[in-house]
Amino acid sequence: MIFGTFERMVAVNLRSHFLTMRYAVPEIAKAGGGAIVNISSIHSRLGAPGLFVSYAATKGAIDTFAAAIILQEYLDATINDK
C-alpha cells in the first residue's frame, strides 16, 4: 500500500463526509431533525481482491461515521442515520 494512495482515499472518501456533516448536522438539528444518507460500498465489509486496502478502510469508516458524530455532538437532536 502506498501512503500517497491512502492519503488520497482518506481525502476523497472520508474527509468529504466529515466536511459535509460538519456543516449539515447543526443545520438539521436547528431545523428540528432530519436524515443523513451516507453511501459507502459493499467492500467496506467484505473487501475485494484487486481493490486498495485504503478504499475498503475508508468505506468502512463511512459506515459508522455519521452515527458516531451524531451520538457525540447531538444526543438530543432528532437526526437519523440512514
N, C-alpha and C. Protein backbone atom coordinates (compact mmCIF):
# COMPACT_ATOMS: atom_id res chain seq x y z
N MET A 1 0.86 -1.17 0.00
CA MET A 1 0.00 0.00 0.00
C MET A 1 0.90 1.23 0.00
N ILE A 2 0.61 2.16 -0.85
CA ILE A 2 1.38 3.39 -0.98
C ILE A 2 0.72 4.47 -0.13
N PHE A 3 1.52 5.19 0.67
CA PHE A 3 0.99 6.19 1.59
C PHE A 3 0.21 7.29 0.84
N GLY A 4 0.71 7.72 -0.29
CA GLY A 4 0.01 8.75 -1.07
C GLY A 4 -1.38 8.31 -1.51
N THR A 5 -1.50 7.05 -1.86
CA THR A 5 -2.80 6.50 -2.25
C THR A 5 -3.75 6.50 -1.06
N PHE A 6 -3.23 6.09 0.09
CA PHE A 6 -4.04 6.09 1.30
C PHE A 6 -4.51 7.50 1.64
N GLU A 7 -3.61 8.47 1.59
CA GLU A 7 -3.97 9.86 1.88
C GLU A 7 -5.04 10.37 0.92
N ARG A 8 -4.93 10.03 -0.34
CA ARG A 8 -5.94 10.47 -1.33
C ARG A 8 -7.29 9.83 -1.04
N MET A 9 -7.31 8.56 -0.69
CA MET A 9 -8.56 7.89 -0.36
C MET A 9 -9.22 8.52 0.86
N VAL A 10 -8.43 8.83 1.87
CA VAL A 10 -8.97 9.49 3.05
C VAL A 10 -9.54 10.85 2.67
N ALA A 11 -8.82 11.60 1.86
CA ALA A 11 -9.27 12.93 1.45
C ALA A 11 -10.58 12.87 0.68
N VAL A 12 -10.67 11.95 -0.25
CA VAL A 12 -11.86 11.88 -1.11
C VAL A 12 -13.02 11.17 -0.41
N ASN A 13 -12.75 10.02 0.19
CA ASN A 13 -13.83 9.20 0.71
C ASN A 13 -14.27 9.54 2.12
N LEU A 14 -13.38 10.04 2.96
CA LEU A 14 -13.74 10.27 4.35
C LEU A 14 -13.83 11.75 4.70
N ARG A 15 -12.84 12.52 4.31
CA ARG A 15 -12.85 13.95 4.63
C ARG A 15 -14.07 14.64 4.02
N SER A 16 -14.49 14.22 2.84
CA SER A 16 -15.67 14.83 2.22
C SER A 16 -16.92 14.61 3.08
N HIS A 17 -17.06 13.44 3.67
CA HIS A 17 -18.19 13.17 4.56
C HIS A 17 -18.08 14.01 5.83
N PHE A 18 -16.88 14.10 6.37
CA PHE A 18 -16.67 14.90 7.58
C PHE A 18 -17.07 16.36 7.33
N LEU A 19 -16.59 16.94 6.24
CA LEU A 19 -16.87 18.35 5.98
C LEU A 19 -18.35 18.59 5.70
N THR A 20 -18.97 17.69 4.98
CA THR A 20 -20.41 17.82 4.71
C THR A 20 -21.19 17.78 6.02
N MET A 21 -20.88 16.82 6.86
CA MET A 21 -21.62 16.69 8.12
C MET A 21 -21.29 17.81 9.09
N ARG A 22 -20.08 18.32 9.03
CA ARG A 22 -19.70 19.43 9.92
C ARG A 22 -20.64 20.62 9.73
N TYR A 23 -21.05 20.84 8.51
CA TYR A 23 -21.93 21.97 8.24
C TYR A 23 -23.41 21.58 8.20
N ALA A 24 -23.71 20.36 7.82
CA ALA A 24 -25.11 19.94 7.68
C ALA A 24 -25.77 19.59 9.00
N VAL A 25 -25.06 18.88 9.89
CA VAL A 25 -25.67 18.40 11.12
C VAL A 25 -26.19 19.54 12.00
N PRO A 26 -25.45 20.62 12.20
CA PRO A 26 -26.00 21.71 13.00
C PRO A 26 -27.27 22.31 12.39
N GLU A 27 -27.32 22.41 11.08
CA GLU A 27 -28.50 22.96 10.42
C GLU A 27 -29.69 22.01 10.53
N ILE A 28 -29.44 20.73 10.41
CA ILE A 28 -30.50 19.74 10.57
C ILE A 28 -31.04 19.79 12.00
N ALA A 29 -30.13 19.89 12.97
CA ALA A 29 -30.55 19.97 14.37
C ALA A 29 -31.38 21.23 14.62
N LYS A 30 -30.96 22.37 14.07
CA LYS A 30 -31.72 23.62 14.23
C LYS A 30 -33.10 23.52 13.61
N ALA A 31 -33.22 22.76 12.54
CA ALA A 31 -34.49 22.61 11.85
C ALA A 31 -35.42 21.62 12.56
N GLY A 32 -34.93 20.97 13.60
CA GLY A 32 -35.78 20.06 14.36
C GLY A 32 -35.61 18.61 14.02
N GLY A 33 -34.69 18.28 13.13
CA GLY A 33 -34.44 16.88 12.80
C GLY A 33 -34.35 16.66 11.32
N GLY A 34 -34.00 15.46 10.95
CA GLY A 34 -33.84 15.12 9.55
C GLY A 34 -33.10 13.82 9.41
N ALA A 35 -32.55 13.59 8.26
CA ALA A 35 -31.83 12.34 7.98
C ALA A 35 -30.54 12.64 7.24
N ILE A 36 -29.55 11.81 7.50
CA ILE A 36 -28.29 11.85 6.77
C ILE A 36 -28.16 10.51 6.06
N VAL A 37 -27.94 10.55 4.78
CA VAL A 37 -27.78 9.33 4.00
C VAL A 37 -26.34 9.29 3.49
N ASN A 38 -25.56 8.37 4.02
CA ASN A 38 -24.19 8.16 3.58
C ASN A 38 -24.14 6.88 2.76
N ILE A 39 -23.48 6.94 1.64
CA ILE A 39 -23.35 5.78 0.78
C ILE A 39 -21.88 5.35 0.79
N SER A 40 -21.64 4.11 1.14
CA SER A 40 -20.26 3.64 1.13
C SER A 40 -20.12 2.56 0.05
N SER A 41 -19.85 1.33 0.44
CA SER A 41 -19.62 0.27 -0.52
C SER A 41 -19.73 -1.08 0.18
N ILE A 42 -20.10 -2.09 -0.56
CA ILE A 42 -20.11 -3.45 -0.02
C ILE A 42 -18.71 -3.85 0.40
N HIS A 43 -17.70 -3.24 -0.21
CA HIS A 43 -16.31 -3.57 0.10
C HIS A 43 -15.89 -3.08 1.49
N SER A 44 -16.73 -2.25 2.10
CA SER A 44 -16.42 -1.81 3.46
C SER A 44 -16.50 -2.98 4.44
N ARG A 45 -17.26 -3.99 4.09
CA ARG A 45 -17.41 -5.15 4.97
C ARG A 45 -16.76 -6.42 4.42
N LEU A 46 -16.66 -6.51 3.13
CA LEU A 46 -16.17 -7.74 2.52
C LEU A 46 -14.77 -7.63 1.94
N GLY A 47 -14.33 -6.42 1.62
CA GLY A 47 -13.07 -6.27 0.90
C GLY A 47 -13.23 -6.89 -0.48
N ALA A 48 -12.19 -6.83 -1.28
CA ALA A 48 -12.26 -7.43 -2.60
C ALA A 48 -10.86 -7.53 -3.17
N PRO A 49 -10.56 -8.65 -3.80
CA PRO A 49 -9.25 -8.77 -4.45
C PRO A 49 -9.10 -7.67 -5.51
N GLY A 50 -7.93 -7.08 -5.54
CA GLY A 50 -7.66 -6.07 -6.55
C GLY A 50 -8.00 -4.66 -6.12
N LEU A 51 -8.78 -4.51 -5.06
CA LEU A 51 -9.09 -3.16 -4.58
C LEU A 51 -8.09 -2.76 -3.52
N PHE A 52 -7.81 -1.48 -3.46
CA PHE A 52 -6.87 -0.98 -2.46
C PHE A 52 -7.42 -1.19 -1.05
N VAL A 53 -6.55 -1.53 -0.15
CA VAL A 53 -6.93 -1.66 1.26
C VAL A 53 -7.47 -0.33 1.76
N SER A 54 -6.86 0.76 1.32
CA SER A 54 -7.30 2.09 1.77
C SER A 54 -8.74 2.38 1.33
N TYR A 55 -9.14 1.90 0.18
CA TYR A 55 -10.52 2.09 -0.29
C TYR A 55 -11.48 1.42 0.67
N ALA A 56 -11.23 0.15 0.98
CA ALA A 56 -12.10 -0.59 1.89
C ALA A 56 -12.11 0.04 3.28
N ALA A 57 -10.96 0.49 3.75
CA ALA A 57 -10.88 1.09 5.09
C ALA A 57 -11.68 2.38 5.17
N THR A 58 -11.58 3.22 4.17
CA THR A 58 -12.33 4.49 4.22
C THR A 58 -13.83 4.26 4.06
N LYS A 59 -14.20 3.30 3.26
CA LYS A 59 -15.63 3.00 3.11
C LYS A 59 -16.19 2.41 4.41
N GLY A 60 -15.40 1.61 5.11
CA GLY A 60 -15.82 1.10 6.41
C GLY A 60 -15.99 2.21 7.42
N ALA A 61 -15.11 3.19 7.37
CA ALA A 61 -15.22 4.33 8.28
C ALA A 61 -16.50 5.11 8.03
N ILE A 62 -16.89 5.24 6.80
CA ILE A 62 -18.12 5.96 6.46
C ILE A 62 -19.33 5.26 7.09
N ASP A 63 -19.28 3.93 7.16
CA ASP A 63 -20.42 3.18 7.71
C ASP A 63 -20.75 3.57 9.15
N THR A 64 -19.76 3.94 9.93
CA THR A 64 -20.01 4.28 11.33
C THR A 64 -19.84 5.76 11.64
N PHE A 65 -19.36 6.51 10.71
CA PHE A 65 -19.02 7.91 10.94
C PHE A 65 -20.23 8.76 11.35
N ALA A 66 -21.29 8.70 10.60
CA ALA A 66 -22.46 9.54 10.89
C ALA A 66 -23.05 9.22 12.26
N ALA A 67 -23.19 7.96 12.56
CA ALA A 67 -23.77 7.59 13.85
C ALA A 67 -22.89 8.07 15.00
N ALA A 68 -21.59 7.97 14.86
CA ALA A 68 -20.67 8.39 15.93
C ALA A 68 -20.72 9.90 16.12
N ILE A 69 -20.73 10.66 15.06
CA ILE A 69 -20.79 12.13 15.15
C ILE A 69 -22.09 12.56 15.81
N ILE A 70 -23.19 11.98 15.40
CA ILE A 70 -24.48 12.35 15.96
C ILE A 70 -24.53 12.02 17.45
N LEU A 71 -24.05 10.86 17.83
CA LEU A 71 -24.04 10.49 19.25
C LEU A 71 -23.14 11.41 20.07
N GLN A 72 -22.03 11.79 19.51
CA GLN A 72 -21.08 12.64 20.23
C GLN A 72 -21.57 14.08 20.35
N GLU A 73 -22.08 14.62 19.28
CA GLU A 73 -22.35 16.05 19.23
C GLU A 73 -23.81 16.43 19.45
N TYR A 74 -24.73 15.56 19.10
CA TYR A 74 -26.13 15.96 19.07
C TYR A 74 -27.04 14.90 19.67
N LEU A 75 -26.77 14.53 20.90
CA LEU A 75 -27.55 13.48 21.54
C LEU A 75 -29.04 13.80 21.63
N ASP A 76 -29.37 15.07 21.75
CA ASP A 76 -30.77 15.46 21.92
C ASP A 76 -31.47 15.73 20.60
N ALA A 77 -30.75 15.74 19.49
CA ALA A 77 -31.35 16.06 18.20
C ALA A 77 -32.03 14.83 17.61
N THR A 78 -33.03 15.07 16.79
CA THR A 78 -33.72 14.00 16.11
C THR A 78 -33.14 13.90 14.69
N ILE A 79 -32.01 13.25 14.60
CA ILE A 79 -31.35 13.06 13.31
C ILE A 79 -31.13 11.56 13.13
N ASN A 80 -31.58 11.05 12.00
CA ASN A 80 -31.46 9.63 11.71
C ASN A 80 -30.31 9.39 10.74
N ASP A 81 -29.56 8.35 10.99
CA ASP A 81 -28.50 7.91 10.09
C ASP A 81 -29.08 6.80 9.24
N LYS A 82 -29.23 7.02 7.97
CA LYS A 82 -29.83 6.02 7.06
C LYS A 82 -28.77 5.26 6.32
